[in-house]
Structures are given as structure tokens and as C-alpha cells.
Protein backbone atom coordinates (compact mmCIF):
# COMPACT_ATOMS: atom_id res chain seq x y z
CA MET A 1 -72.12 24.63 -78.53
CA PHE A 2 -75.08 24.93 -76.18
CA GLY A 3 -74.27 23.63 -72.69
CA GLN A 4 -70.52 23.49 -73.27
CA THR A 5 -67.96 25.42 -71.30
CA THR A 6 -64.76 26.92 -72.57
CA LEU A 7 -63.02 27.11 -69.21
CA GLY A 8 -59.53 25.73 -69.17
CA ALA A 9 -56.99 25.33 -66.41
CA SER A 10 -55.59 28.77 -67.10
CA SER A 11 -58.95 30.44 -66.46
CA VAL A 12 -59.42 29.02 -62.97
CA SER A 13 -59.52 31.80 -60.41
CA SER A 14 -56.44 32.37 -58.30
CA SER A 15 -58.71 32.30 -55.23
CA ALA A 16 -58.66 28.49 -55.38
CA SER A 17 -55.00 28.48 -54.37
CA ARG A 18 -55.06 31.31 -51.82
CA VAL A 19 -54.53 30.40 -48.17
CA PHE A 20 -54.83 32.60 -45.09
CA ARG A 21 -53.70 32.30 -41.48
CA TYR A 22 -56.04 33.40 -38.67
CA GLU A 23 -54.56 34.36 -35.32
CA VAL A 24 -57.25 33.62 -32.75
CA VAL A 25 -57.43 34.28 -29.00
CA GLY A 26 -59.99 33.24 -26.42
CA LEU A 27 -61.08 29.84 -27.71
CA ARG A 28 -62.86 27.90 -24.99
CA GLN A 29 -64.02 24.37 -24.39
CA ASN A 30 -67.80 23.96 -24.88
CA SER A 31 -70.34 21.31 -25.83
CA GLU A 32 -69.27 21.42 -29.48
CA THR A 33 -65.60 20.94 -28.70
CA ASP A 34 -66.26 18.32 -26.02
CA ARG A 35 -66.74 15.84 -28.89
CA ASN A 36 -63.09 16.29 -29.82
CA LYS A 37 -60.51 13.96 -28.35
CA TYR A 38 -58.35 16.89 -27.24
CA ASN A 39 -58.83 20.00 -25.11
CA ILE A 40 -58.71 23.52 -26.45
CA ARG A 41 -56.44 25.94 -24.65
CA ASN A 42 -58.30 28.72 -22.90
CA SER A 43 -55.62 31.37 -23.37
CA GLY A 44 -52.91 32.36 -25.77
CA SER A 45 -52.96 32.64 -29.52
CA VAL A 46 -53.93 29.82 -31.82
CA PHE A 47 -53.01 29.91 -35.51
CA ILE A 48 -55.47 28.37 -37.97
CA THR A 49 -54.67 27.98 -41.67
CA VAL A 50 -57.73 28.37 -43.89
CA PRO A 51 -58.20 28.19 -47.67
CA TYR A 52 -59.96 31.20 -49.19
CA SER A 53 -63.07 29.16 -49.99
CA ARG A 54 -63.62 28.29 -46.30
CA MET A 55 -62.89 31.65 -44.67
CA ASN A 56 -66.53 32.46 -43.87
CA GLU A 57 -67.24 29.00 -42.41
CA GLU A 58 -64.13 29.17 -40.23
CA TYR A 59 -65.00 32.67 -39.03
CA GLN A 60 -68.43 31.42 -37.92
CA ARG A 61 -66.92 28.39 -36.17
CA ILE A 62 -64.42 30.53 -34.28
CA THR A 63 -67.20 32.87 -33.19
CA ARG A 64 -69.31 29.95 -31.93
CA LEU A 65 -66.34 28.74 -29.88
CA GLY A 66 -65.98 32.15 -28.23
CA GLY A 67 -62.81 33.11 -30.05
CA LYS A 68 -61.76 36.48 -31.38
CA ILE A 69 -59.77 36.86 -34.58
CA VAL A 70 -56.84 39.16 -33.89
CA LYS A 71 -55.14 39.00 -37.26
CA ILE A 72 -55.67 37.57 -40.75
CA GLU A 73 -52.67 37.30 -43.04
CA PRO A 74 -52.24 35.75 -46.48
CA LEU A 75 -49.72 32.95 -46.78
CA THR A 76 -47.35 32.59 -49.68
CA ALA A 77 -46.11 29.26 -51.01
CA ASP A 78 -42.88 29.70 -49.02
CA GLU A 79 -44.66 30.09 -45.67
CA GLU A 80 -46.89 27.02 -45.96
């Protein structure tokens, strides 16, 4: 039994399926976003959908781009 796991599909954390929506204002065009083939709006709200596992990475990216997170809300299966 050494080295074996007893995890089944039912024991997978519900965090794997959780999704959140960030409302972000103030994103700006900079050297990082210049590599994109599209411009980023300088004003208004932008909504970004993020899985739970990537929330920290997305927060850091938004901060680097000069954005401010106004609201974070969980999404249900109906809203996606």
C-alpha cells in the first residue's frame, strides 16, 4: 500500500470547479501589453473570468498593468 493514493473523483476539492469574475478599472497599455495584437481600453470596467486556481496570478497581472480590482464575485454554472 506504500506509495498508493486512495483519492477518487468524489474526493477532488470543489475549488477545482470554482470560477470568479473580476471587475477591473484602469488597465493601461504598456510594454507588456504592446505584444498583444489588440489595444487595451484605458477607461471603463473590464470583466475577467478566472478559475480559483489562477486568482493570485491574475491579481498580480492586473496590478502590473496598472489596473484596480473593484469587485470579485463567484460565478455559478448558470452565469458562465
